[in-house]
Amino acid sequence: MEPEPGAVVFIVSTVKLPLITLTTDFGLADHFVAAMKGVILGIAPQARIVDISHQIEPFAIAQAAFTLDQAARCFPPRTIHVAVVDPGVGSARRPLLAEAGGQYFIAPDNGLLTMIYARTRPRVRVISAQRYFRHPVSRTFHGRDIFAPVAAHLALGTAPASFGKLISDYVRGEFERPAPAAPGRWRASILAVDRFGNMITNLPAADFAFLARVPFRLKAGRRVVRRWAESYSEAAPGELLLIAGSSGYLEIAVRESSAVRLCGCAAGDRIELRCASTGGAKTAEALTRTTAERG
């Protein structure tokens, strides 16, 4: 049926445009992020590009792994994630394409995809097909010359197998789980620090929820945390606390202030947890064994 003269016509497209995300430690002051986007759009002009973060601390692979994993969980199937925190750029480290959880991940083989590997059954390929690269390839900017064009070609429908062979010896970082040191004692680490100065640890909240019921001692930098809280409002302003965060991990926080500043820590720093019992959830020894088995 023809529309009436002067009528406003809305056309709704059912075509799903390719979605590409970017996670880097490049910051926003320089041209690096824009250059990557320009390469992508020059190959796949219909692509939608979403910035996850470009404020990862320089060279902070664990922080990038955490940030990417948390965001990727919220994206639809077939999203293409490009992550570039790459201290080894230009070396023998390999560029990877991983198919995991119905999505695609393009990143250097330096442990950045560790948390993606931990929750999926990935199919990982070394990117070796140089016909998909931007030439000449710089030894210092693989984000622009390898990762961005590969993502664009993948968005155009190029089959993953076209980029390289499957491998099984990809790098896994050591930051994905706490390491039991002794019964009732764990060595852990800070995965990331958010804008509020909260320090996200690698202690899974589900496994360590018993800390709400028992005395514990968590050494972080120059401070010791002994206070559990169910919400920030339970603590007094300025009080240091441990809380189960929205990420699924325990977080060290200070109500209405910065825990990272108070403790003098940074992403990647080691922390140590001690407790005598698990309040009936499990024995400390059993939880130690469970944590070790997850590795």
C-alpha atoms as a PDB file:
ATOM      1  CA  MET A   1       0.000   0.000   0.000  1.00  0.00           C
ATOM      2  CA  GLU A   2       1.364   3.393  -0.987  1.00  0.00           C
ATOM      3  CA  PRO A   3       1.804   5.929   1.841  1.00  0.00           C
ATOM      4  CA  GLU A   4      -0.361   9.050   1.804  1.00  0.00           C
ATOM      5  CA  PRO A   5       1.257  12.220   0.432  1.00  0.00           C
ATOM      6  CA  GLY A   6       3.192  14.017   3.153  1.00  0.00           C
ATOM      7  CA  ALA A   7       3.268  10.987   5.435  1.00  0.00           C
ATOM      8  CA  VAL A   8       6.467  10.282   7.381  1.00  0.00           C
ATOM      9  CA  VAL A   9       7.821   6.844   6.496  1.00  0.00           C
ATOM     10  CA  PHE A  10      10.084   4.932   8.868  1.00  0.00           C
ATOM     11  CA  ILE A  11      12.249   2.170   7.426  1.00  0.00           C
ATOM     12  CA  VAL A  12      13.375  -0.414   9.960  1.00  0.00           C
ATOM     13  CA  SER A  13      16.380  -2.470   8.903  1.00  0.00           C
ATOM     14  CA  THR A  14      16.685  -6.084  10.060  1.00  0.00           C
ATOM     15  CA  VAL A  15      20.318  -6.308   8.974  1.00  0.00           C
ATOM     16  CA  LYS A  16      22.619  -6.928  11.931  1.00  0.00           C
ATOM     17  CA  LEU A  17      25.662  -4.704  11.583  1.00  0.00           C
ATOM     18  CA  PRO A  18      28.969  -6.144  12.812  1.00  0.00           C
ATOM     19  CA  LEU A  19      29.926  -5.070  16.330  1.00  0.00           C
ATOM     20  CA  ILE A  20      33.585  -4.532  17.263  1.00  0.00           C
ATOM     21  CA  THR A  21      34.840  -3.500  20.711  1.00  0.00           C
ATOM     22  CA  LEU A  22      38.207  -1.979  21.591  1.00  0.00           C
ATOM     23  CA  THR A  23      40.147  -2.323  24.853  1.00  0.00           C
ATOM     24  CA  THR A  24      43.626  -0.776  25.075  1.00  0.00           C
ATOM     25  CA  ASP A  25      46.109   0.997  27.312  1.00  0.00           C
ATOM     26  CA  PHE A  26      46.569   3.740  24.705  1.00  0.00           C
ATOM     27  CA  GLY A  27      44.707   6.506  26.524  1.00  0.00           C
ATOM     28  CA  LEU A  28      42.891   9.209  24.575  1.00  0.00           C
ATOM     29  CA  ALA A  29      45.520  11.922  24.221  1.00  0.00           C
ATOM     30  CA  ASP A  30      47.259  10.405  21.194  1.00  0.00           C
ATOM     31  CA  HIS A  31      46.174   9.239  17.746  1.00  0.00           C
ATOM     32  CA  PHE A  32      46.418   5.491  18.414  1.00  0.00           C
ATOM     33  CA  VAL A  33      42.730   4.692  19.057  1.00  0.00           C
ATOM     34  CA  ALA A  34      41.548   6.838  16.156  1.00  0.00           C
ATOM     35  CA  ALA A  35      44.036   5.147  13.831  1.00  0.00           C
ATOM     36  CA  MET A  36      42.686   1.709  14.740  1.00  0.00           C
ATOM     37  CA  LYS A  37      39.120   2.868  14.153  1.00  0.00           C
ATOM     38  CA  GLY A  38      40.095   4.393  10.816  1.00  0.00           C
ATOM     39  CA  VAL A  39      41.625   1.104   9.649  1.00  0.00           C
ATOM     40  CA  ILE A  40      38.517  -0.838  10.703  1.00  0.00           C
ATOM     41  CA  LEU A  41      36.105   1.556   9.008  1.00  0.00           C
ATOM     42  CA  GLY A  42      38.214   1.674   5.857  1.00  0.00           C
ATOM     43  CA  ILE A  43      37.726  -2.088   5.462  1.00  0.00           C
ATOM     44  CA  ALA A  44      34.297  -2.576   7.060  1.00  0.00           C
ATOM     45  CA  PRO A  45      32.490   0.794   6.900  1.00  0.00           C
ATOM     46  CA  GLN A  46      29.275  -0.664   8.299  1.00  0.00           C
ATOM     47  CA  ALA A  47      30.930  -1.827  11.523  1.00  0.00           C
ATOM     48  CA  ARG A  48      29.763  -0.439  14.843  1.00  0.00           C
ATOM     49  CA  ILE A  49      32.703   0.256  17.164  1.00  0.00           C
ATOM     50  CA  VAL A  50      32.285   0.338  20.937  1.00  0.00           C
ATOM     51  CA  ASP A  51      35.040   1.503  23.274  1.00  0.00           C
ATOM     52  CA  ILE A  52      35.261  -0.689  26.374  1.00  0.00           C
ATOM     53  CA  SER A  53      38.221   1.198  27.832  1.00  0.00           C
ATOM     54  CA  HIS A  54      41.385   2.940  26.717  1.00  0.00           C
ATOM     55  CA  GLN A  55      42.379   3.834  30.272  1.00  0.00           C
ATOM     56  CA  ILE A  56      43.978   0.531  31.216  1.00  0.00           C
ATOM     57  CA  GLU A  57      47.194   1.259  33.101  1.00  0.00           C
ATOM     58  CA  PRO A  58      50.179   0.953  30.731  1.00  0.00           C
ATOM     59  CA  PHE A  59      51.274  -2.673  30.330  1.00  0.00           C
ATOM     60  CA  ALA A  60      48.705  -3.882  32.955  1.00  0.00           C
ATOM     61  CA  ILE A  61      47.719  -7.192  31.374  1.00  0.00           C
ATOM     62  CA  ALA A  62      45.762  -8.453  34.392  1.00  0.00           C
ATOM     63  CA  GLN A  63      43.681  -5.273  34.533  1.00  0.00           C
ATOM     64  CA  ALA A  64      42.958  -5.546  30.815  1.00  0.00           C
ATOM     65  CA  ALA A  65      41.986  -9.217  31.183  1.00  0.00           C
ATOM     66  CA  PHE A  66      39.544  -8.378  33.969  1.00  0.00           C
ATOM     67  CA  THR A  67      38.054  -5.371  32.169  1.00  0.00           C
ATOM     68  CA  LEU A  68      37.566  -7.279  28.926  1.00  0.00           C
ATOM     69  CA  ASP A  69      36.022 -10.301  30.643  1.00  0.00           C
ATOM     70  CA  GLN A  70      33.555  -8.230  32.664  1.00  0.00           C
ATOM     71  CA  ALA A  71      32.389  -6.248  29.627  1.00  0.00           C
ATOM     72  CA  ALA A  72      32.316  -9.154  27.171  1.00  0.00           C
ATOM     73  CA  ARG A  73      29.752 -10.977  29.306  1.00  0.00           C
ATOM     74  CA  CYS A  74      27.248  -8.226  28.463  1.00  0.00           C
ATOM     75  CA  PHE A  75      27.690  -8.238  24.673  1.00  0.00           C
ATOM     76  CA  PRO A  76      25.641 -10.268  22.173  1.00  0.00           C
ATOM     77  CA  PRO A  77      26.840 -13.329  20.275  1.00  0.00           C
ATOM     78  CA  ARG A  78      29.262 -12.778  17.371  1.00  0.00           C
ATOM     79  CA  THR A  79      30.695  -9.604  18.880  1.00  0.00           C
ATOM     80  CA  ILE A  80      34.335  -9.127  17.883  1.00  0.00           C
ATOM     81  CA  HIS A  81      36.543  -7.951  20.746  1.00  0.00           C
ATOM     82  CA  VAL A  82      39.943  -6.388  20.027  1.00  0.00           C
ATOM     83  CA  ALA A  83      42.216  -6.018  23.062  1.00  0.00           C
ATOM     84  CA  VAL A  84      45.671  -4.466  22.851  1.00  0.00           C
ATOM     85  CA  VAL A  85      47.812  -4.241  25.964  1.00  0.00           C
ATOM     86  CA  ASP A  86      51.020  -5.453  24.440  1.00  0.00           C
ATOM     87  CA  PRO A  87      54.359  -4.946  26.216  1.00  0.00           C
ATOM     88  CA  GLY A  88      55.913  -7.523  23.855  1.00  0.00           C
ATOM     89  CA  VAL A  89      54.879  -5.867  20.596  1.00  0.00           C
ATOM     90  CA  GLY A  90      57.415  -6.552  17.854  1.00  0.00           C
ATOM     91  CA  SER A  91      58.821  -9.614  19.632  1.00  0.00           C
ATOM     92  CA  ALA A  92      58.152 -13.305  18.955  1.00  0.00           C
ATOM     93  CA  ARG A  93      54.851 -13.196  20.862  1.00  0.00           C
ATOM     94  CA  ARG A  94      51.973 -14.333  18.631  1.00  0.00           C
ATOM     95  CA  PRO A  95      48.771 -12.511  17.580  1.00  0.00           C
ATOM     96  CA  LEU A  96      45.709 -14.616  18.377  1.00  0.00           C
ATOM     97  CA  LEU A  97      42.107 -15.043  17.283  1.00  0.00           C
ATOM     98  CA  ALA A  98      39.996 -16.920  19.832  1.00  0.00           C
ATOM     99  CA  GLU A  99      36.441 -18.144  19.383  1.00  0.00           C
ATOM    100  CA  ALA A 100      34.953 -18.362  22.869  1.00  0.00           C
ATOM    101  CA  GLY A 101      31.431 -18.289  24.266  1.00  0.00           C
ATOM    102  CA  GLY A 102      29.940 -17.420  20.880  1.00  0.00           C
ATOM    103  CA  GLN A 103      32.142 -14.341  20.498  1.00  0.00           C
ATOM    104  CA  TYR A 104      35.516 -13.546  18.923  1.00  0.00           C
ATOM    105  CA  PHE A 105      38.595 -12.199  20.691  1.00  0.00           C
ATOM    106  CA  ILE A 106      41.651 -10.756  18.950  1.00  0.00           C
ATOM    107  CA  ALA A 107      44.641 -10.077  21.189  1.00  0.00           C
ATOM    108  CA  PRO A 108      48.355 -10.726  21.728  1.00  0.00           C
ATOM    109  CA  ASP A 109      49.361 -14.084  23.206  1.00  0.00           C
ATOM    110  CA  ASN A 110      50.477 -12.671  26.557  1.00  0.00           C
ATOM    111  CA  GLY A 111      47.769 -13.829  28.967  1.00  0.00           C
ATOM    112  CA  LEU A 112      45.307 -11.054  28.165  1.00  0.00           C
ATOM    113  CA  LEU A 113      42.598 -13.605  27.325  1.00  0.00           C
ATOM    114  CA  THR A 114      43.212 -15.710  30.459  1.00  0.00           C
ATOM    115  CA  MET A 115      39.855 -14.944  32.071  1.00  0.00           C
ATOM    116  CA  ILE A 116      38.021 -15.654  28.812  1.00  0.00           C
ATOM    117  CA  TYR A 117      39.745 -19.035  28.578  1.00  0.00           C
ATOM    118  CA  ALA A 118      38.843 -19.807  32.204  1.00  0.00           C
ATOM    119  CA  ARG A 119      35.071 -19.657  31.634  1.00  0.00           C
ATOM    120  CA  THR A 120      34.776 -21.053  28.094  1.00  0.00           C
ATOM    121  CA  ARG A 121      36.111 -23.759  25.830  1.00  0.00           C
ATOM    122  CA  PRO A 122      38.026 -21.616  23.370  1.00  0.00           C
ATOM    123  CA  ARG A 123      39.219 -22.387  19.873  1.00  0.00           C
ATOM    124  CA  VAL A 124      42.405 -20.396  19.523  1.00  0.00           C
ATOM    125  CA  ARG A 125      44.275 -19.633  16.306  1.00  0.00           C
ATOM    126  CA  VAL A 126      47.569 -17.943  15.588  1.00  0.00           C
ATOM    127  CA  ILE A 127      46.959 -15.097  13.144  1.00  0.00           C
ATOM    128  CA  SER A 128      49.480 -15.744  10.375  1.00  0.00           C
ATOM    129  CA  ALA A 129      47.707 -14.829   7.105  1.00  0.00           C
ATOM    130  CA  GLN A 130      49.517 -11.610   6.252  1.00  0.00           C
ATOM    131  CA  ARG A 131      47.171 -10.779   3.375  1.00  0.00           C
ATOM    132  CA  TYR A 132      44.759  -9.501   6.036  1.00  0.00           C
ATOM    133  CA  PHE A 133      47.359  -7.153   7.584  1.00  0.00           C
ATOM    134  CA  ARG A 134      47.887  -3.465   6.896  1.00  0.00           C
ATOM    135  CA  HIS A 135      51.246  -3.039   5.184  1.00  0.00           C
ATOM    136  CA  PRO A 136      53.923  -2.187   5.939  1.00  0.00           C
ATOM    137  CA  VAL A 137      53.524  -3.683   9.419  1.00  0.00           C
ATOM    138  CA  SER A 138      55.095  -1.530  12.111  1.00  0.00           C
ATOM    139  CA  ARG A 139      57.057  -3.339  14.816  1.00  0.00           C
ATOM    140  CA  THR A 140      55.549  -0.994  17.410  1.00  0.00           C
ATOM    141  CA  PHE A 141      51.858  -0.701  16.436  1.00  0.00           C
ATOM    142  CA  HIS A 142      50.305  -4.092  15.785  1.00  0.00           C
ATOM    143  CA  GLY A 143      46.994  -2.721  17.049  1.00  0.00           C
ATOM    144  CA  ARG A 144      46.702  -0.693  13.860  1.00  0.00           C
ATOM    145  CA  ASP A 145      48.483  -3.004  11.425  1.00  0.00           C
ATOM    146  CA  ILE A 146      47.374  -6.503  12.533  1.00  0.00           C
ATOM    147  CA  PHE A 147      44.584  -6.567  15.116  1.00  0.00           C
ATOM    148  CA  ALA A 148      42.354  -3.837  13.632  1.00  0.00           C
ATOM    149  CA  PRO A 149      42.392  -5.086   9.996  1.00  0.00           C
ATOM    150  CA  VAL A 150      41.891  -8.704  11.079  1.00  0.00           C
ATOM    151  CA  ALA A 151      38.853  -7.629  13.111  1.00  0.00           C
ATOM    152  CA  ALA A 152      37.474  -5.763  10.103  1.00  0.00           C
ATOM    153  CA  HIS A 153      37.923  -8.714   7.760  1.00  0.00           C
ATOM    154  CA  LEU A 154      36.304 -10.994  10.325  1.00  0.00           C
ATOM    155  CA  ALA A 155      33.381  -8.552  10.490  1.00  0.00           C
ATOM    156  CA  LEU A 156      33.025  -8.826   6.692  1.00  0.00           C
ATOM    157  CA  GLY A 157      32.478 -12.561   7.054  1.00  0.00           C
ATOM    158  CA  THR A 158      35.953 -14.011   6.529  1.00  0.00           C
ATOM    159  CA  ALA A 159      36.050 -17.464   8.133  1.00  0.00           C
ATOM    160  CA  PRO A 160      38.202 -17.743  11.286  1.00  0.00           C
ATOM    161  CA  ALA A 161      40.120 -20.637   9.711  1.00  0.00           C
ATOM    162  CA  SER A 162      41.367 -18.259   7.018  1.00  0.00           C
ATOM    163  CA  PHE A 163      43.504 -16.364   9.531  1.00  0.00           C
ATOM    164  CA  GLY A 164      45.650 -19.237  10.794  1.00  0.00           C
ATOM    165  CA  LYS A 165      45.940 -22.648  12.415  1.00  0.00           C
ATOM    166  CA  LEU A 166      44.478 -23.814  15.716  1.00  0.00           C
ATOM    167  CA  ILE A 167      46.869 -24.041  18.659  1.00  0.00           C
ATOM    168  CA  SER A 168      46.663 -25.319  22.238  1.00  0.00           C
ATOM    169  CA  ASP A 169      49.806 -23.812  23.790  1.00  0.00           C
ATOM    170  CA  TYR A 170      48.439 -20.289  24.240  1.00  0.00           C
ATOM    171  CA  VAL A 171      49.603 -18.296  27.263  1.00  0.00           C
ATOM    172  CA  ARG A 172      47.570 -18.234  30.469  1.00  0.00           C
ATOM    173  CA  GLY A 173      48.355 -15.641  33.123  1.00  0.00           C
ATOM    174  CA  GLU A 174      48.780 -16.538  36.783  1.00  0.00           C
ATOM    175  CA  PHE A 175      46.272 -13.941  37.958  1.00  0.00           C
ATOM    176  CA  GLU A 176      43.022 -15.809  37.307  1.00  0.00           C
ATOM    177  CA  ARG A 177      42.775 -17.489  40.738  1.00  0.00           C
ATOM    178  CA  PRO A 178      44.171 -17.156  44.276  1.00  0.00           C
ATOM    179  CA  ALA A 179      47.024 -19.494  45.141  1.00  0.00           C
ATOM    180  CA  PRO A 180      46.804 -21.480  48.388  1.00  0.00           C
ATOM    181  CA  ALA A 181      49.936 -20.967  50.474  1.00  0.00           C
ATOM    182  CA  ALA A 182      48.933 -23.089  53.482  1.00  0.00           C
ATOM    183  CA  PRO A 183      45.710 -24.213  55.194  1.00  0.00           C
ATOM    184  CA  GLY A 184      43.645 -21.083  55.790  1.00  0.00           C
ATOM    185  CA  ARG A 185      46.069 -18.877  53.881  1.00  0.00           C
ATOM    186  CA  TRP A 186      45.942 -17.611  50.289  1.00  0.00           C
ATOM    187  CA  ARG A 187      48.162 -15.469  48.115  1.00  0.00           C
ATOM    188  CA  ALA A 188      45.963 -13.338  45.882  1.00  0.00           C
ATOM    189  CA  SER A 189      46.300 -10.252  43.733  1.00  0.00           C
ATOM    190  CA  ILE A 190      44.592  -7.041  42.697  1.00  0.00           C
ATOM    191  CA  LEU A 191      43.036  -7.461  39.265  1.00  0.00           C
ATOM    192  CA  ALA A 192      41.964  -3.871  38.741  1.00  0.00           C
ATOM    193  CA  VAL A 193      41.290  -0.537  40.396  1.00  0.00           C
ATOM    194  CA  ASP A 194      38.112   1.303  39.511  1.00  0.00           C
ATOM    195  CA  ARG A 195      37.483   5.043  39.234  1.00  0.00           C
ATOM    196  CA  PHE A 196      36.475   5.222  42.916  1.00  0.00           C
ATOM    197  CA  GLY A 197      39.725   3.667  44.118  1.00  0.00           C
ATOM    198  CA  ASN A 198      38.131   0.311  44.935  1.00  0.00           C
ATOM    199  CA  MET A 199      40.567  -2.575  44.454  1.00  0.00           C
ATOM    200  CA  ILE A 200      39.046  -5.634  42.782  1.00  0.00           C
ATOM    201  CA  THR A 201      40.833  -8.787  43.943  1.00  0.00           C
ATOM    202  CA  ASN A 202      40.959 -12.205  42.298  1.00  0.00           C
ATOM    203  CA  LEU A 203      39.180 -13.791  45.291  1.00  0.00           C
ATOM    204  CA  PRO A 204      35.850 -15.189  43.984  1.00  0.00           C
ATOM    205  CA  ALA A 205      33.028 -13.833  46.131  1.00  0.00           C
ATOM    206  CA  ALA A 206      31.118 -17.132  46.043  1.00  0.00           C
ATOM    207  CA  ASP A 207      34.071 -19.088  47.424  1.00  0.00           C
ATOM    208  CA  PHE A 208      35.017 -16.602  50.115  1.00  0.00           C
ATOM    209  CA  ALA A 209      31.571 -15.454  51.293  1.00  0.00           C
ATOM    210  CA  PHE A 210      32.263 -17.209  54.617  1.00  0.00           C
ATOM    211  CA  LEU A 211      34.508 -14.250  55.518  1.00  0.00           C
ATOM    212  CA  ALA A 212      31.313 -12.442  56.496  1.00  0.00           C
ATOM    213  CA  ARG A 213      31.067 -14.811  59.501  1.00  0.00           C
ATOM    214  CA  VAL A 214      34.636 -15.342  60.675  1.00  0.00           C
ATOM    215  CA  PRO A 215      37.624 -13.232  61.692  1.00  0.00           C
ATOM    216  CA  PHE A 216      40.079 -12.683  58.852  1.00  0.00           C
ATOM    217  CA  ARG A 217      43.169 -10.674  58.027  1.00  0.00           C
ATOM    218  CA  LEU A 218      43.760  -9.357  54.488  1.00  0.00           C
ATOM    219  CA  LYS A 219      47.112  -7.627  54.006  1.00  0.00           C
ATOM    220  CA  ALA A 220      47.066  -5.092  51.157  1.00  0.00           C
ATOM    221  CA  GLY A 221      50.060  -2.813  50.823  1.00  0.00           C
ATOM    222  CA  ARG A 222      50.591  -0.833  54.006  1.00  0.00           C
ATOM    223  CA  ARG A 223      47.162  -1.673  55.456  1.00  0.00           C
ATOM    224  CA  VAL A 224      45.323  -4.687  56.874  1.00  0.00           C
ATOM    225  CA  VAL A 225      41.601  -5.217  56.204  1.00  0.00           C
ATOM    226  CA  ARG A 226      39.576  -6.919  58.956  1.00  0.00           C
ATOM    227  CA  ARG A 227      36.093  -5.511  58.301  1.00  0.00           C
ATOM    228  CA  TRP A 228      33.445  -7.237  56.152  1.00  0.00           C
ATOM    229  CA  ALA A 229      30.462  -5.234  54.900  1.00  0.00           C
ATOM    230  CA  GLU A 230      27.399  -6.195  52.872  1.00  0.00           C
ATOM    231  CA  SER A 231      27.168  -2.660  51.494  1.00  0.00           C
ATOM    232  CA  TYR A 232      29.238   0.515  51.581  1.00  0.00           C
ATOM    233  CA  SER A 233      26.658   2.149  53.829  1.00  0.00           C
ATOM    234  CA  GLU A 234      27.388  -0.341  56.634  1.00  0.00           C
ATOM    235  CA  ALA A 235      30.832   1.170  57.144  1.00  0.00           C
ATOM    236  CA  ALA A 236      31.705   4.533  58.626  1.00  0.00           C
ATOM    237  CA  PRO A 237      33.042   7.201  56.248  1.00  0.00           C
ATOM    238  CA  GLY A 238      36.737   6.562  55.704  1.00  0.00           C
ATOM    239  CA  GLU A 239      36.572   2.981  57.012  1.00  0.00           C
ATOM    240  CA  LEU A 240      38.480   0.250  55.153  1.00  0.00           C
ATOM    241  CA  LEU A 241      36.319  -2.759  54.278  1.00  0.00           C
ATOM    242  CA  LEU A 242      35.989  -5.936  52.233  1.00  0.00           C
ATOM    243  CA  ILE A 243      32.839  -6.368  50.143  1.00  0.00           C
ATOM    244  CA  ALA A 244      31.437  -8.719  47.488  1.00  0.00           C
ATOM    245  CA  GLY A 245      31.444  -6.567  44.368  1.00  0.00           C
ATOM    246  CA  SER A 246      29.207  -6.667  41.299  1.00  0.00           C
ATOM    247  CA  SER A 247      32.057  -8.266  39.338  1.00  0.00           C
ATOM    248  CA  GLY A 248      31.769 -11.522  41.276  1.00  0.00           C
ATOM    249  CA  TYR A 249      35.030 -10.879  43.149  1.00  0.00           C
ATOM    250  CA  LEU A 250      35.831  -9.455  46.563  1.00  0.00           C
ATOM    251  CA  GLU A 251      36.740  -5.782  46.569  1.00  0.00           C
ATOM    252  CA  ILE A 252      38.769  -3.744  49.044  1.00  0.00           C
ATOM    253  CA  ALA A 253      37.070  -0.387  49.488  1.00  0.00           C
ATOM    254  CA  VAL A 254      36.863   2.674  51.694  1.00  0.00           C
ATOM    255  CA  ARG A 255      33.522   4.318  52.187  1.00  0.00           C
ATOM    256  CA  GLU A 256      33.484   7.678  50.387  1.00  0.00           C
ATOM    257  CA  SER A 257      37.221   7.548  49.776  1.00  0.00           C
ATOM    258  CA  SER A 258      39.942   5.664  47.884  1.00  0.00           C
ATOM    259  CA  ALA A 259      41.222   2.284  49.073  1.00  0.00           C
ATOM    260  CA  VAL A 260      44.064   2.256  46.570  1.00  0.00           C
ATOM    261  CA  ARG A 261      45.359   5.559  47.894  1.00  0.00           C
ATOM    262  CA  LEU A 262      44.990   4.491  51.527  1.00  0.00           C
ATOM    263  CA  CYS A 263      46.739   1.145  50.996  1.00  0.00           C
ATOM    264  CA  GLY A 264      49.347   2.344  48.522  1.00  0.00           C
ATOM    265  CA  CYS A 265      48.641  -0.455  46.035  1.00  0.00           C
ATOM    266  CA  ALA A 266      48.224  -0.772  42.289  1.00  0.00           C
ATOM    267  CA  ALA A 267      46.693  -3.242  39.855  1.00  0.00           C
ATOM    268  CA  GLY A 268      48.806  -6.404  39.770  1.00  0.00           C
ATOM    269  CA  ASP A 269      50.057  -6.104  43.359  1.00  0.00           C
ATOM    270  CA  ARG A 270      50.021  -9.156  45.614  1.00  0.00           C
ATOM    271  CA  ILE A 271      47.825  -9.407  48.697  1.00  0.00           C
ATOM    272  CA  GLU A 272      47.580 -12.091  51.389  1.00  0.00           C
ATOM    273  CA  LEU A 273      44.495 -13.494  53.134  1.00  0.00           C
ATOM    274  CA  ARG A 274      44.523 -15.431  56.396  1.00  0.00           C
ATOM    275  CA  CYS A 275      41.667 -16.918  58.394  1.00  0.00           C
ATOM    276  CA  ALA A 276      41.412 -19.688  60.996  1.00  0.00           C
ATOM    277  CA  SER A 277      38.095 -21.182  59.864  1.00  0.00           C
ATOM    278  CA  THR A 278      35.408 -20.905  57.214  1.00  0.00           C
ATOM    279  CA  GLY A 279      32.434 -20.559  59.520  1.00  0.00           C
ATOM    280  CA  GLY A 280      31.038 -23.974  58.638  1.00  0.00           C
ATOM    281  CA  ALA A 281      30.961 -23.443  54.868  1.00  0.00           C
ATOM    282  CA  LYS A 282      34.023 -25.670  54.411  1.00  0.00           C
ATOM    283  CA  THR A 283      37.122 -26.237  56.421  1.00  0.00           C
ATOM    284  CA  ALA A 284      39.920 -23.869  55.516  1.00  0.00           C
ATOM    285  CA  GLU A 285      41.890 -26.894  54.372  1.00  0.00           C
ATOM    286  CA  ALA A 286      39.086 -28.080  52.066  1.00  0.00           C
ATOM    287  CA  LEU A 287      38.671 -24.628  50.559  1.00  0.00           C
ATOM    288  CA  THR A 288      42.407 -24.502  49.976  1.00  0.00           C
ATOM    289  CA  ARG A 289      42.194 -27.787  48.062  1.00  0.00           C
ATOM    290  CA  THR A 290      39.175 -26.603  46.038  1.00  0.00           C
ATOM    291  CA  THR A 291      40.918 -23.388  45.065  1.00  0.00           C
ATOM    292  CA  ALA A 292      44.003 -25.302  43.992  1.00  0.00           C
ATOM    293  CA  GLU A 293      41.972 -27.781  41.924  1.00  0.00           C
ATOM    294  CA  ARG A 294      40.399 -24.941  39.938  1.00  0.00           C
ATOM    295  CA  GLY A 295      43.797 -24.240  38.507  1.00  0.00           C
END
